[in-house]
C-alpha atoms as a PDB file:
ATOM      1  CA  VAL A   1     -18.714  10.696  25.678  1.00  0.00           C
ATOM      2  CA  TRP A   2     -17.296   9.653  28.921  1.00  0.00           C
ATOM      3  CA  GLY A   3     -14.808   6.609  28.954  1.00  0.00           C
ATOM      4  CA  GLU A   4     -12.977   4.522  31.387  1.00  0.00           C
ATOM      5  CA  VAL A   5      -9.159   5.263  31.140  1.00  0.00           C
ATOM      6  CA  ARG A   6      -6.092   3.758  32.510  1.00  0.00           C
ATOM      7  CA  TRP A   7      -2.596   5.472  32.974  1.00  0.00           C
ATOM      8  CA  SER A   8       0.551   5.024  35.004  1.00  0.00           C
ATOM      9  CA  ALA A   9       1.222   7.667  37.943  1.00  0.00           C
ATOM     10  CA  PRO A  10       4.554   9.135  38.404  1.00  0.00           C
ATOM     11  CA  ASP A  11       5.455   6.545  40.956  1.00  0.00           C
ATOM     12  CA  GLY A  12       4.608   3.831  38.519  1.00  0.00           C
ATOM     13  CA  THR A  13       1.424   2.576  39.944  1.00  0.00           C
ATOM     14  CA  ALA A  14      -1.555   1.755  37.683  1.00  0.00           C
ATOM     15  CA  ARG A  15      -4.456   4.227  37.860  1.00  0.00           C
ATOM     16  CA  THR A  16      -7.905   4.406  36.465  1.00  0.00           C
ATOM     17  CA  GLY A  17     -10.593   7.127  36.133  1.00  0.00           C
ATOM     18  CA  ARG A  18     -13.253   8.337  33.818  1.00  0.00           C
ATOM     19  CA  THR A  19     -12.753  11.161  31.267  1.00  0.00           C
ATOM     20  CA  ARG A  20     -14.180  12.593  27.975  1.00  0.00           C
ATOM     21  CA  VAL A  21     -13.201  10.680  24.788  1.00  0.00           C
ATOM     22  CA  ALA A  22     -14.049  11.092  21.069  1.00  0.00           C
ATOM     23  CA  SER A  23     -17.287   9.238  20.467  1.00  0.00           C
ATOM     24  CA  ASP A  24     -15.569   7.271  17.784  1.00  0.00           C
ATOM     25  CA  SER A  25     -12.695   6.000  19.868  1.00  0.00           C
ATOM     26  CA  ALA A  26     -12.441   2.080  19.904  1.00  0.00           C
ATOM     27  CA  VAL A  27     -12.084   0.214  23.191  1.00  0.00           C
ATOM     28  CA  GLY A  28      -8.564  -0.009  24.096  1.00  0.00           C
ATOM     29  CA  ALA A  29      -7.621   2.926  21.837  1.00  0.00           C
ATOM     30  CA  ALA A  30      -4.785   5.121  22.997  1.00  0.00           C
ATOM     31  CA  VAL A  31      -5.969   8.631  24.454  1.00  0.00           C
ATOM     32  CA  THR A  32      -4.197  11.630  25.687  1.00  0.00           C
ATOM     33  CA  VAL A  33      -4.983  12.511  29.561  1.00  0.00           C
ATOM     34  CA  TRP A  34      -3.392  15.155  31.872  1.00  0.00           C
ATOM     35  CA  THR A  35      -2.388  14.491  35.146  1.00  0.00           C
ATOM     36  CA  ASP A  36      -1.245  16.600  38.249  1.00  0.00           C
ATOM     37  CA  PRO A  37       2.334  15.548  40.134  1.00  0.00           C
ATOM     38  CA  ALA A  38       0.416  13.196  42.327  1.00  0.00           C
ATOM     39  CA  GLY A  39      -0.996  11.251  39.126  1.00  0.00           C
ATOM     40  CA  ARG A  40      -4.570  12.375  39.306  1.00  0.00           C
ATOM     41  CA  LEU A  41      -6.617  13.381  36.341  1.00  0.00           C
ATOM     42  CA  VAL A  42      -7.018  17.080  35.543  1.00  0.00           C
ATOM     43  CA  THR A  43      -8.550  19.066  32.964  1.00  0.00           C
ATOM     44  CA  GLN A  44      -6.480  19.874  29.752  1.00  0.00           C
ATOM     45  CA  PRO A  45      -4.283  22.962  30.080  1.00  0.00           C
ATOM     46  CA  PRO A  46      -5.404  25.978  28.303  1.00  0.00           C
ATOM     47  CA  THR A  47      -3.668  26.514  24.771  1.00  0.00           C
ATOM     48  CA  VAL A  48      -1.540  29.664  24.250  1.00  0.00           C
ATOM     49  CA  ASN A  49      -4.476  31.619  22.710  1.00  0.00           C
ATOM     50  CA  GLN A  50      -6.934  30.567  25.587  1.00  0.00           C
ATOM     51  CA  ALA A  51      -4.461  31.863  28.101  1.00  0.00           C
ATOM     52  CA  ARG A  52      -3.672  34.974  26.353  1.00  0.00           C
ATOM     53  CA  THR A  53      -7.278  35.744  25.942  1.00  0.00           C
ATOM     54  CA  ARG A  54      -8.047  34.753  29.518  1.00  0.00           C
ATOM     55  CA  SER A  55      -5.096  37.038  30.648  1.00  0.00           C
ATOM     56  CA  LEU A  56      -6.213  39.986  28.527  1.00  0.00           C
ATOM     57  CA  ALA A  57      -9.841  39.566  29.725  1.00  0.00           C
ATOM     58  CA  ILE A  58      -8.548  39.345  33.434  1.00  0.00           C
ATOM     59  CA  GLY A  59      -6.197  42.418  32.990  1.00  0.00           C
ATOM     60  CA  GLY A  60      -9.020  44.572  31.384  1.00  0.00           C
ATOM     61  CA  LEU A  61     -11.172  43.520  34.156  1.00  0.00           C
ATOM     62  CA  VAL A  62      -8.660  44.537  36.724  1.00  0.00           C
ATOM     63  CA  GLY A  63      -7.801  47.751  35.135  1.00  0.00           C
ATOM     64  CA  LEU A  64     -11.458  48.633  34.885  1.00  0.00           C
ATOM     65  CA  SER A  65     -11.912  47.847  38.576  1.00  0.00           C
ATOM     66  CA  ALA A  66      -8.755  49.973  39.509  1.00  0.00           C
ATOM     67  CA  ALA A  67     -10.206  52.969  37.584  1.00  0.00           C
ATOM     68  CA  ALA A  68     -13.642  52.540  38.793  1.00  0.00           C
ATOM     69  CA  VAL A  69     -12.623  52.999  42.619  1.00  0.00           C
ATOM     70  CA  PRO A  70     -11.225  56.737  42.268  1.00  0.00           C
ATOM     71  CA  PHE A  71     -14.149  57.383  39.817  1.00  0.00           C
ATOM     72  CA  ALA A  72     -16.740  56.342  42.396  1.00  0.00           C
ATOM     73  CA  CYS A  73     -15.032  57.962  44.892  1.00  0.00           C
ATOM     74  CA  GLY A  74     -14.598  61.113  43.175  1.00  0.00           C
ATOM     75  CA  ARG A  75     -18.430  61.179  42.188  1.00  0.00           C
ATOM     76  CA  LEU A  76     -19.448  60.439  45.693  1.00  0.00           C
ATOM     77  CA  LEU A  77     -17.340  63.522  47.101  1.00  0.00           C
ATOM     78  CA  ARG A  78     -18.680  65.689  44.307  1.00  0.00           C
ATOM     79  CA  ASP A  79     -22.295  64.757  44.909  1.00  0.00           C
ATOM     80  CA  ARG A  80     -21.822  65.504  48.659  1.00  0.00           C
ATOM     81  CA  LEU A  81     -20.291  68.841  47.876  1.00  0.00           C
ATOM     82  CA  GLU A  82     -22.995  69.702  45.337  1.00  0.00           C
ATOM     83  CA  ARG A  83     -25.578  69.019  48.211  1.00  0.00           C
ATOM     84  CA  ARG A  84     -23.653  71.164  50.627  1.00  0.00           C
ATOM     85  CA  ARG A  85     -23.546  74.014  48.120  1.00  0.00           C
ATOM     86  CA  LEU A  86     -27.392  73.786  47.582  1.00  0.00           C
ATOM     87  CA  LYS A  87     -28.060  73.965  51.173  1.00  0.00           C
ATOM     88  CA  GLN A  88     -25.674  77.027  51.322  1.00  0.00           C
ATOM     89  CA  TRP A  89     -27.698  78.442  48.480  1.00  0.00           C
ATOM     90  CA  ASP A  90     -31.116  77.578  50.225  1.00  0.00           C
ATOM     91  CA  VAL A  91     -29.824  79.586  53.343  1.00  0.00           C
ATOM     92  CA  GLU A  92     -28.644  82.510  51.418  1.00  0.00           C
ATOM     93  CA  TRP A  93     -31.687  82.669  49.532  1.00  0.00           C
ATOM     94  CA  ALA A  94     -34.009  82.541  52.529  1.00  0.00           C
ATOM     95  CA  ARG A  95     -31.939  85.589  53.800  1.00  0.00           C
ATOM     96  CA  PHE A  96     -32.074  87.698  50.827  1.00  0.00           C
ATOM     97  CA  ASP A  97     -35.756  86.876  49.324  1.00  0.00           C
ATOM     98  CA  PRO A  98     -37.505  88.754  51.846  1.00  0.00           C
ATOM     99  CA  LEU A  99     -35.509  91.683  51.306  1.00  0.00           C
ATOM    100  CA  TRP A 100     -36.468  92.057  47.550  1.00  0.00           C
ATOM    101  CA  GLY A 101     -40.123  91.989  48.405  1.00  0.00           C
ATOM    102  CA  ARG A 102     -41.268  90.447  45.233  1.00  0.00           C
ATOM    103  CA  ARG A 103     -43.234  87.540  45.739  1.00  0.00           C
ATOM    104  CA  THR A 104     -45.711  85.820  43.409  1.00  0.00           C
ATOM    105  CA  PRO A 105     -48.936  84.639  44.952  1.00  0.00           C
END
């Protein structure tokens, strides 16, 4: 449920805004809100477990991305070398196939 809240900014001025409150909160009940240094409403900071989970997920994604770059480059290089090798085989085969004289109709 969204509710109208009031709080005092760091400079002492009274502020109002809308934030989520418990549905069973009474009008005028105290609720906890989070503000930035300028006194504006911000979202609740993550808990220790949330921060740990996010950092592990981001670290894992960064690690996978860092590993994917050399893997992809190596794969591209390997594919190019393979195509080059197969073209060389085609050239050599074209040279020696007529010498063998065995052809299937």
